[in-house]
């Protein structure tokens, strides 16, 4: 009972009293929905008899991103057009989080406009969910903490902290446009980490390459990432760390 009371008190002071309850409920609903729907798809693929199968209408498989989009449209409209007070605002946040989880779990499908859920391209859905969860978590916890801290310091420090935050967002956008999703997360959390990769070559099929790369630079990009196609960012990061760990210094034995 003491533990429950302590958690309830912390939730009241840290979430409710600071006005972050809708954001918190969205965050939890988003993660729980993603975990549930991923588990469901694996159960269906494994053909577990007692688990419900896919939803079909007239022989057409209705992907769960359809339900996610409908939830986003309905509850997004209610939040913007009606903007109800508590507790409806918190209920809307929960359903919006559910819709976000369902939609981003099939991010690769609406990105490629074909069913690539179990293909290599389908791993982009995992990348998208990780990025969305990281950004949402930072906005839920860190951003509010930064705001509280900066109100107590001088104007010069506020400007520095704000500049770092803006630079981090810009670097995150650049890395995301270059399809460097791992560095996108690090750019938001620790902006200086994403500074180096933001100035390096992006992937040849990324939005950045399509907008800014000419023939020579695009060829260099294709050669640079020829062995990375289809690999998730966490695997590429592990390989990079391995290479750096075992690289011998110049002139060494």
C-alpha atoms as a PDB file:
ATOM      1  CA  UNK A   1       0.000   0.000   0.000  1.00  0.00           C
ATOM      2  CA  UNK A   2       2.888   2.358   0.783  1.00  0.00           C
ATOM      3  CA  UNK A   3       4.455   1.641  -2.594  1.00  0.00           C
ATOM      4  CA  UNK A   4       1.155   2.273  -4.398  1.00  0.00           C
ATOM      5  CA  UNK A   5       0.653   5.510  -2.455  1.00  0.00           C
ATOM      6  CA  UNK A   6       4.208   6.609  -3.269  1.00  0.00           C
ATOM      7  CA  UNK A   7       3.780   5.890  -6.981  1.00  0.00           C
ATOM      8  CA  UNK A   8       0.413   7.654  -6.991  1.00  0.00           C
ATOM      9  CA  UNK A   9       1.912  10.701  -5.310  1.00  0.00           C
ATOM     10  CA  UNK A  10       4.816  10.802  -7.764  1.00  0.00           C
ATOM     11  CA  UNK A  11       2.401  10.499 -10.682  1.00  0.00           C
ATOM     12  CA  UNK A  12       0.243  13.305  -9.300  1.00  0.00           C
ATOM     13  CA  UNK A  13       3.140  15.713  -8.752  1.00  0.00           C
ATOM     14  CA  UNK A  14       5.299  14.737 -11.734  1.00  0.00           C
ATOM     15  CA  UNK A  15       2.653  14.160 -14.415  1.00  0.00           C
ATOM     16  CA  UNK A  16      -0.778  15.509 -13.506  1.00  0.00           C
ATOM     17  CA  UNK A  17       0.258  18.730 -11.756  1.00  0.00           C
ATOM     18  CA  UNK A  18       2.685  19.610 -14.566  1.00  0.00           C
ATOM     19  CA  UNK A  19      -0.010  19.234 -17.238  1.00  0.00           C
ATOM     20  CA  UNK A  20       1.705  16.296 -18.942  1.00  0.00           C
ATOM     21  CA  UNK A  21      -0.920  13.607 -18.323  1.00  0.00           C
ATOM     22  CA  UNK A  22      -2.282  13.572 -21.926  1.00  0.00           C
ATOM     23  CA  UNK A  23       1.259  13.300 -23.264  1.00  0.00           C
ATOM     24  CA  UNK A  24       2.088  10.516 -20.809  1.00  0.00           C
ATOM     25  CA  UNK A  25      -1.074   8.561 -21.645  1.00  0.00           C
ATOM     26  CA  UNK A  26      -0.359   8.945 -25.381  1.00  0.00           C
ATOM     27  CA  UNK A  27       3.199   7.665 -24.856  1.00  0.00           C
ATOM     28  CA  UNK A  28       2.088   4.609 -22.866  1.00  0.00           C
ATOM     29  CA  UNK A  29      -0.786   3.781 -25.242  1.00  0.00           C
ATOM     30  CA  UNK A  30       1.559   4.076 -28.225  1.00  0.00           C
ATOM     31  CA  UNK A  31       4.158   1.682 -26.782  1.00  0.00           C
ATOM     32  CA  UNK A  32       1.611  -0.836 -25.453  1.00  0.00           C
ATOM     33  CA  UNK A  33      -0.238  -0.893 -28.785  1.00  0.00           C
ATOM     34  CA  UNK A  34       2.952  -1.421 -30.765  1.00  0.00           C
ATOM     35  CA  UNK A  35       4.041  -4.242 -28.460  1.00  0.00           C
ATOM     36  CA  UNK A  36       0.626  -5.907 -28.680  1.00  0.00           C
ATOM     37  CA  UNK A  37       0.268  -5.651 -32.461  1.00  0.00           C
ATOM     38  CA  UNK A  38       3.811  -6.948 -33.061  1.00  0.00           C
ATOM     39  CA  UNK A  39       3.066  -9.907 -30.810  1.00  0.00           C
ATOM     40  CA  UNK A  40      -0.219 -10.463 -32.645  1.00  0.00           C
ATOM     41  CA  UNK A  41       1.399 -10.503 -36.096  1.00  0.00           C
ATOM     42  CA  UNK A  42       4.016 -13.014 -34.940  1.00  0.00           C
ATOM     43  CA  UNK A  43       1.307 -15.221 -33.452  1.00  0.00           C
ATOM     44  CA  UNK A  44      -0.645 -15.074 -36.707  1.00  0.00           C
ATOM     45  CA  UNK A  45       2.471 -15.868 -38.762  1.00  0.00           C
ATOM     46  CA  UNK A  46       3.198 -18.830 -36.476  1.00  0.00           C
ATOM     47  CA  UNK A  47      -0.412 -19.986 -37.070  1.00  0.00           C
ATOM     48  CA  UNK A  48      -1.239 -20.295 -33.374  1.00  0.00           C
ATOM     49  CA  UNK A  49      -4.677 -21.904 -33.401  1.00  0.00           C
ATOM     50  CA  UNK A  50      -6.223 -20.102 -30.436  1.00  0.00           C
ATOM     51  CA  UNK A  51      -5.070 -16.650 -31.589  1.00  0.00           C
ATOM     52  CA  UNK A  52      -7.476 -14.590 -33.777  1.00  0.00           C
ATOM     53  CA  UNK A  53      -6.372 -14.326 -37.407  1.00  0.00           C
ATOM     54  CA  UNK A  54      -6.240 -11.426 -39.838  1.00  0.00           C
ATOM     55  CA  UNK A  55      -9.276  -9.226 -40.452  1.00  0.00           C
ATOM     56  CA  UNK A  56     -10.652  -9.705 -43.969  1.00  0.00           C
ATOM     57  CA  UNK A  57     -13.617  -8.142 -45.763  1.00  0.00           C
ATOM     58  CA  UNK A  58     -14.784  -9.799 -48.958  1.00  0.00           C
ATOM     59  CA  UNK A  59     -11.498 -11.668 -49.245  1.00  0.00           C
ATOM     60  CA  UNK A  60      -9.425  -8.481 -48.837  1.00  0.00           C
ATOM     61  CA  UNK A  61      -6.970  -8.388 -45.944  1.00  0.00           C
ATOM     62  CA  UNK A  62      -7.490  -5.214 -43.932  1.00  0.00           C
ATOM     63  CA  UNK A  63      -4.092  -4.160 -42.586  1.00  0.00           C
ATOM     64  CA  UNK A  64      -4.053  -2.745 -39.072  1.00  0.00           C
ATOM     65  CA  UNK A  65      -2.668   0.555 -40.348  1.00  0.00           C
ATOM     66  CA  UNK A  66      -6.163   1.169 -41.750  1.00  0.00           C
ATOM     67  CA  UNK A  67      -7.607   1.108 -38.229  1.00  0.00           C
ATOM     68  CA  UNK A  68      -4.735   3.254 -37.042  1.00  0.00           C
ATOM     69  CA  UNK A  69      -5.362   5.898 -39.701  1.00  0.00           C
ATOM     70  CA  UNK A  70      -9.069   5.955 -38.868  1.00  0.00           C
ATOM     71  CA  UNK A  71      -8.301   6.482 -35.181  1.00  0.00           C
ATOM     72  CA  UNK A  72      -5.849   9.287 -36.003  1.00  0.00           C
ATOM     73  CA  UNK A  73      -8.395  11.005 -38.256  1.00  0.00           C
ATOM     74  CA  UNK A  74     -11.295  10.710 -35.836  1.00  0.00           C
ATOM     75  CA  UNK A  75      -9.566  11.639 -32.593  1.00  0.00           C
ATOM     76  CA  UNK A  76      -7.267  14.159 -34.236  1.00  0.00           C
ATOM     77  CA  UNK A  77     -10.331  15.966 -35.553  1.00  0.00           C
ATOM     78  CA  UNK A  78     -12.018  15.843 -32.139  1.00  0.00           C
ATOM     79  CA  UNK A  79      -8.901  17.224 -30.435  1.00  0.00           C
ATOM     80  CA  UNK A  80      -8.536  20.104 -32.924  1.00  0.00           C
ATOM     81  CA  UNK A  81     -12.149  20.997 -33.716  1.00  0.00           C
ATOM     82  CA  UNK A  82     -13.834  20.312 -30.369  1.00  0.00           C
ATOM     83  CA  UNK A  83     -10.893  20.382 -27.910  1.00  0.00           C
ATOM     84  CA  UNK A  84     -12.849  18.898 -24.971  1.00  0.00           C
ATOM     85  CA  UNK A  85     -11.788  19.326 -21.377  1.00  0.00           C
ATOM     86  CA  UNK A  86     -10.651  16.651 -18.944  1.00  0.00           C
ATOM     87  CA  UNK A  87     -11.296  13.706 -18.770  1.00  0.00           C
ATOM     88  CA  UNK A  88     -12.157  13.535 -22.495  1.00  0.00           C
ATOM     89  CA  UNK A  89      -8.827  15.113 -23.395  1.00  0.00           C
ATOM     90  CA  UNK A  90      -6.989  12.235 -21.708  1.00  0.00           C
ATOM     91  CA  UNK A  91      -9.256   9.645 -23.395  1.00  0.00           C
ATOM     92  CA  UNK A  92      -8.511  11.215 -26.780  1.00  0.00           C
ATOM     93  CA  UNK A  93      -4.778  11.039 -26.018  1.00  0.00           C
ATOM     94  CA  UNK A  94      -5.062   7.295 -25.341  1.00  0.00           C
ATOM     95  CA  UNK A  95      -6.901   6.562 -28.606  1.00  0.00           C
ATOM     96  CA  UNK A  96      -4.521   8.807 -30.541  1.00  0.00           C
ATOM     97  CA  UNK A  97      -1.623   6.804 -29.089  1.00  0.00           C
ATOM     98  CA  UNK A  98      -3.310   3.554 -30.122  1.00  0.00           C
ATOM     99  CA  UNK A  99      -3.767   4.875 -33.651  1.00  0.00           C
ATOM    100  CA  UNK A 100      -0.138   5.979 -33.798  1.00  0.00           C
ATOM    101  CA  UNK A 101       1.087   2.549 -32.717  1.00  0.00           C
ATOM    102  CA  UNK A 102      -1.051   0.735 -35.291  1.00  0.00           C
ATOM    103  CA  UNK A 103      -0.030   3.092 -38.085  1.00  0.00           C
ATOM    104  CA  UNK A 104       3.714   3.247 -37.449  1.00  0.00           C
ATOM    105  CA  UNK A 105       3.933  -0.540 -37.053  1.00  0.00           C
ATOM    106  CA  UNK A 106       3.239  -0.674 -40.798  1.00  0.00           C
ATOM    107  CA  UNK A 107       5.260   2.435 -41.670  1.00  0.00           C
ATOM    108  CA  UNK A 108       7.210   0.492 -44.305  1.00  0.00           C
ATOM    109  CA  UNK A 109       3.972  -0.480 -46.081  1.00  0.00           C
ATOM    110  CA  UNK A 110       2.732   3.060 -46.640  1.00  0.00           C
ATOM    111  CA  UNK A 111       6.283   4.201 -47.413  1.00  0.00           C
ATOM    112  CA  UNK A 112       6.776   1.600 -50.165  1.00  0.00           C
ATOM    113  CA  UNK A 113       3.070   1.263 -51.119  1.00  0.00           C
ATOM    114  CA  UNK A 114       3.329  -2.530 -50.991  1.00  0.00           C
ATOM    115  CA  UNK A 115       3.217  -5.298 -48.396  1.00  0.00           C
ATOM    116  CA  UNK A 116       6.824  -5.532 -47.157  1.00  0.00           C
ATOM    117  CA  UNK A 117       5.998  -6.230 -43.501  1.00  0.00           C
ATOM    118  CA  UNK A 118       8.132  -9.388 -43.345  1.00  0.00           C
ATOM    119  CA  UNK A 119      10.711  -8.240 -45.909  1.00  0.00           C
ATOM    120  CA  UNK A 120      13.989  -6.389 -45.350  1.00  0.00           C
ATOM    121  CA  UNK A 121      12.267  -3.095 -46.146  1.00  0.00           C
ATOM    122  CA  UNK A 122       9.831  -3.829 -43.327  1.00  0.00           C
ATOM    123  CA  UNK A 123      12.550  -3.116 -40.789  1.00  0.00           C
ATOM    124  CA  UNK A 124      11.983   0.565 -41.460  1.00  0.00           C
ATOM    125  CA  UNK A 125       8.801   0.250 -39.405  1.00  0.00           C
ATOM    126  CA  UNK A 126      10.923  -0.642 -36.363  1.00  0.00           C
ATOM    127  CA  UNK A 127      13.199   2.335 -37.075  1.00  0.00           C
ATOM    128  CA  UNK A 128      10.190   4.655 -37.312  1.00  0.00           C
ATOM    129  CA  UNK A 129       8.722   3.414 -34.027  1.00  0.00           C
ATOM    130  CA  UNK A 130      12.051   3.790 -32.212  1.00  0.00           C
ATOM    131  CA  UNK A 131      12.434   7.363 -33.480  1.00  0.00           C
ATOM    132  CA  UNK A 132       8.845   8.268 -32.587  1.00  0.00           C
ATOM    133  CA  UNK A 133       9.192   6.752 -29.108  1.00  0.00           C
ATOM    134  CA  UNK A 134      12.510   8.528 -28.519  1.00  0.00           C
ATOM    135  CA  UNK A 135      11.172  11.918 -29.614  1.00  0.00           C
ATOM    136  CA  UNK A 136       7.978  11.484 -27.601  1.00  0.00           C
ATOM    137  CA  UNK A 137       9.935  10.402 -24.530  1.00  0.00           C
ATOM    138  CA  UNK A 138      12.319  13.341 -24.797  1.00  0.00           C
ATOM    139  CA  UNK A 139       9.425  15.768 -25.121  1.00  0.00           C
ATOM    140  CA  UNK A 140       7.695  14.125 -22.158  1.00  0.00           C
ATOM    141  CA  UNK A 141      10.660  14.123 -19.795  1.00  0.00           C
ATOM    142  CA  UNK A 142      13.698  16.081 -20.910  1.00  0.00           C
ATOM    143  CA  UNK A 143      12.105  19.054 -22.632  1.00  0.00           C
ATOM    144  CA  UNK A 144       9.965  19.914 -19.622  1.00  0.00           C
ATOM    145  CA  UNK A 145      12.957  19.536 -17.322  1.00  0.00           C
ATOM    146  CA  UNK A 146      15.041  21.785 -19.555  1.00  0.00           C
ATOM    147  CA  UNK A 147      12.327  24.446 -19.492  1.00  0.00           C
ATOM    148  CA  UNK A 148      12.128  24.315 -15.691  1.00  0.00           C
ATOM    149  CA  UNK A 149      15.892  24.665 -15.389  1.00  0.00           C
ATOM    150  CA  UNK A 150      16.272  27.511 -17.855  1.00  0.00           C
ATOM    151  CA  UNK A 151      13.711  29.640 -16.006  1.00  0.00           C
ATOM    152  CA  UNK A 152      16.123  29.771 -13.057  1.00  0.00           C
ATOM    153  CA  UNK A 153      19.278  30.824 -14.907  1.00  0.00           C
ATOM    154  CA  UNK A 154      20.459  33.926 -16.736  1.00  0.00           C
ATOM    155  CA  UNK A 155      19.243  34.923 -20.186  1.00  0.00           C
ATOM    156  CA  UNK A 156      22.610  33.978 -21.699  1.00  0.00           C
ATOM    157  CA  UNK A 157      22.344  30.406 -20.439  1.00  0.00           C
ATOM    158  CA  UNK A 158      18.791  30.193 -21.743  1.00  0.00           C
ATOM    159  CA  UNK A 159      20.006  31.222 -25.178  1.00  0.00           C
ATOM    160  CA  UNK A 160      22.758  28.582 -25.127  1.00  0.00           C
ATOM    161  CA  UNK A 161      20.435  25.782 -24.029  1.00  0.00           C
ATOM    162  CA  UNK A 162      17.821  26.817 -26.582  1.00  0.00           C
ATOM    163  CA  UNK A 163      20.438  26.923 -29.341  1.00  0.00           C
ATOM    164  CA  UNK A 164      21.676  23.449 -28.439  1.00  0.00           C
ATOM    165  CA  UNK A 165      18.114  22.136 -28.569  1.00  0.00           C
ATOM    166  CA  UNK A 166      17.465  23.751 -31.954  1.00  0.00           C
ATOM    167  CA  UNK A 167      20.782  22.450 -33.326  1.00  0.00           C
ATOM    168  CA  UNK A 168      19.898  18.969 -32.074  1.00  0.00           C
ATOM    169  CA  UNK A 169      16.548  19.062 -33.867  1.00  0.00           C
ATOM    170  CA  UNK A 170      18.179  20.318 -37.088  1.00  0.00           C
ATOM    171  CA  UNK A 171      20.864  17.619 -36.936  1.00  0.00           C
ATOM    172  CA  UNK A 172      18.174  14.996 -36.248  1.00  0.00           C
ATOM    173  CA  UNK A 173      16.214  16.114 -39.313  1.00  0.00           C
ATOM    174  CA  UNK A 174      19.343  16.022 -41.491  1.00  0.00           C
ATOM    175  CA  UNK A 175      20.308  12.538 -40.291  1.00  0.00           C
ATOM    176  CA  UNK A 176      16.737  11.304 -40.763  1.00  0.00           C
ATOM    177  CA  UNK A 177      16.703  12.701 -44.315  1.00  0.00           C
ATOM    178  CA  UNK A 178      19.916  10.755 -44.945  1.00  0.00           C
ATOM    179  CA  UNK A 179      18.284   7.603 -43.449  1.00  0.00           C
ATOM    180  CA  UNK A 180      20.731   7.504 -40.521  1.00  0.00           C
ATOM    181  CA  UNK A 181      18.048   6.688 -37.983  1.00  0.00           C
ATOM    182  CA  UNK A 182      20.371   5.717 -35.144  1.00  0.00           C
ATOM    183  CA  UNK A 183      22.134   9.065 -35.300  1.00  0.00           C
ATOM    184  CA  UNK A 184      18.750  10.786 -35.472  1.00  0.00           C
ATOM    185  CA  UNK A 185      18.005   9.655 -31.931  1.00  0.00           C
ATOM    186  CA  UNK A 186      21.479  10.581 -30.682  1.00  0.00           C
ATOM    187  CA  UNK A 187      21.230  14.012 -32.331  1.00  0.00           C
ATOM    188  CA  UNK A 188      18.189  14.797 -30.189  1.00  0.00           C
ATOM    189  CA  UNK A 189      19.653  13.439 -26.957  1.00  0.00           C
ATOM    190  CA  UNK A 190      23.281  14.582 -27.459  1.00  0.00           C
ATOM    191  CA  UNK A 191      23.450  16.998 -30.423  1.00  0.00           C
ATOM    192  CA  UNK A 192      27.248  16.922 -30.735  1.00  0.00           C
ATOM    193  CA  UNK A 193      27.143  13.168 -31.480  1.00  0.00           C
ATOM    194  CA  UNK A 194      25.062  13.702 -34.618  1.00  0.00           C
ATOM    195  CA  UNK A 195      27.229  16.556 -35.873  1.00  0.00           C
ATOM    196  CA  UNK A 196      29.788  14.329 -37.623  1.00  0.00           C
ATOM    197  CA  UNK A 197      27.319  12.046 -39.392  1.00  0.00           C
ATOM    198  CA  UNK A 198      25.207  15.012 -40.486  1.00  0.00           C
ATOM    199  CA  UNK A 199      28.103  16.116 -42.724  1.00  0.00           C
ATOM    200  CA  UNK A 200      28.873  12.655 -44.089  1.00  0.00           C
ATOM    201  CA  UNK A 201      27.333  10.948 -47.088  1.00  0.00           C
ATOM    202  CA  UNK A 202      23.704   9.914 -46.874  1.00  0.00           C
ATOM    203  CA  UNK A 203      22.212   6.740 -48.285  1.00  0.00           C
ATOM    204  CA  UNK A 204      21.751   6.770 -52.073  1.00  0.00           C
ATOM    205  CA  UNK A 205      17.971   6.276 -51.894  1.00  0.00           C
ATOM    206  CA  UNK A 206      17.382   8.762 -49.073  1.00  0.00           C
ATOM    207  CA  UNK A 207      15.420  11.980 -49.445  1.00  0.00           C
ATOM    208  CA  UNK A 208      18.629  13.976 -48.961  1.00  0.00           C
ATOM    209  CA  UNK A 209      20.388  12.177 -51.824  1.00  0.00           C
ATOM    210  CA  UNK A 210      17.455  12.675 -54.177  1.00  0.00           C
ATOM    211  CA  UNK A 211      17.381  16.404 -53.461  1.00  0.00           C
ATOM    212  CA  UNK A 212      21.069  17.336 -53.304  1.00  0.00           C
ATOM    213  CA  UNK A 213      23.297  14.626 -54.789  1.00  0.00           C
ATOM    214  CA  UNK A 214      24.468  14.851 -58.387  1.00  0.00           C
ATOM    215  CA  UNK A 215      25.841  11.927 -60.392  1.00  0.00           C
ATOM    216  CA  UNK A 216      29.340  11.854 -58.873  1.00  0.00           C
ATOM    217  CA  UNK A 217      28.261  12.182 -55.275  1.00  0.00           C
ATOM    218  CA  UNK A 218      25.406   9.736 -55.718  1.00  0.00           C
ATOM    219  CA  UNK A 219      27.832   7.154 -57.104  1.00  0.00           C
ATOM    220  CA  UNK A 220      30.102   7.646 -54.078  1.00  0.00           C
ATOM    221  CA  UNK A 221      27.093   7.154 -51.823  1.00  0.00           C
ATOM    222  CA  UNK A 222      26.105   3.922 -53.596  1.00  0.00           C
ATOM    223  CA  UNK A 223      29.648   2.591 -53.217  1.00  0.00           C
ATOM    224  CA  UNK A 224      29.790   3.646 -49.570  1.00  0.00           C
ATOM    225  CA  UNK A 225      26.527   1.921 -48.583  1.00  0.00           C
ATOM    226  CA  UNK A 226      26.637  -1.030 -50.987  1.00  0.00           C
ATOM    227  CA  UNK A 227      27.031  -3.534 -48.137  1.00  0.00           C
ATOM    228  CA  UNK A 228      24.530  -1.892 -45.784  1.00  0.00           C
ATOM    229  CA  UNK A 229      21.351  -2.270 -47.842  1.00  0.00           C
ATOM    230  CA  UNK A 230      18.591  -3.867 -45.807  1.00  0.00           C
ATOM    231  CA  UNK A 231      20.498  -3.871 -42.504  1.00  0.00           C
ATOM    232  CA  UNK A 232      18.836  -2.231 -39.480  1.00  0.00           C
ATOM    233  CA  UNK A 233      20.712   0.738 -38.032  1.00  0.00           C
ATOM    234  CA  UNK A 234      21.585  -1.010 -34.744  1.00  0.00           C
ATOM    235  CA  UNK A 235      23.423  -3.768 -36.643  1.00  0.00           C
ATOM    236  CA  UNK A 236      25.334  -1.261 -38.754  1.00  0.00           C
ATOM    237  CA  UNK A 237      26.268   0.638 -35.592  1.00  0.00           C
ATOM    238  CA  UNK A 238      27.603  -2.535 -33.990  1.00  0.00           C
ATOM    239  CA  UNK A 239      29.743  -3.294 -37.034  1.00  0.00           C
ATOM    240  CA  UNK A 240      31.115   0.257 -36.990  1.00  0.00           C
ATOM    241  CA  UNK A 241      32.058  -0.050 -33.308  1.00  0.00           C
ATOM    242  CA  UNK A 242      33.769  -3.390 -34.020  1.00  0.00           C
ATOM    243  CA  UNK A 243      35.844  -1.864 -36.821  1.00  0.00           C
ATOM    244  CA  UNK A 244      36.877   1.059 -34.629  1.00  0.00           C
ATOM    245  CA  UNK A 245      37.738  -1.239 -31.729  1.00  0.00           C
ATOM    246  CA  UNK A 246      40.109  -3.471 -33.698  1.00  0.00           C
ATOM    247  CA  UNK A 247      41.633  -0.834 -35.992  1.00  0.00           C
ATOM    248  CA  UNK A 248      45.375  -0.629 -35.417  1.00  0.00           C
ATOM    249  CA  UNK A 249      47.030   2.785 -35.108  1.00  0.00           C
ATOM    250  CA  UNK A 250      49.243   3.963 -37.976  1.00  0.00           C
ATOM    251  CA  UNK A 251      52.787   2.583 -37.608  1.00  0.00           C
ATOM    252  CA  UNK A 252      51.689   0.094 -34.939  1.00  0.00           C
ATOM    253  CA  UNK A 253      52.564  -3.580 -34.771  1.00  0.00           C
END
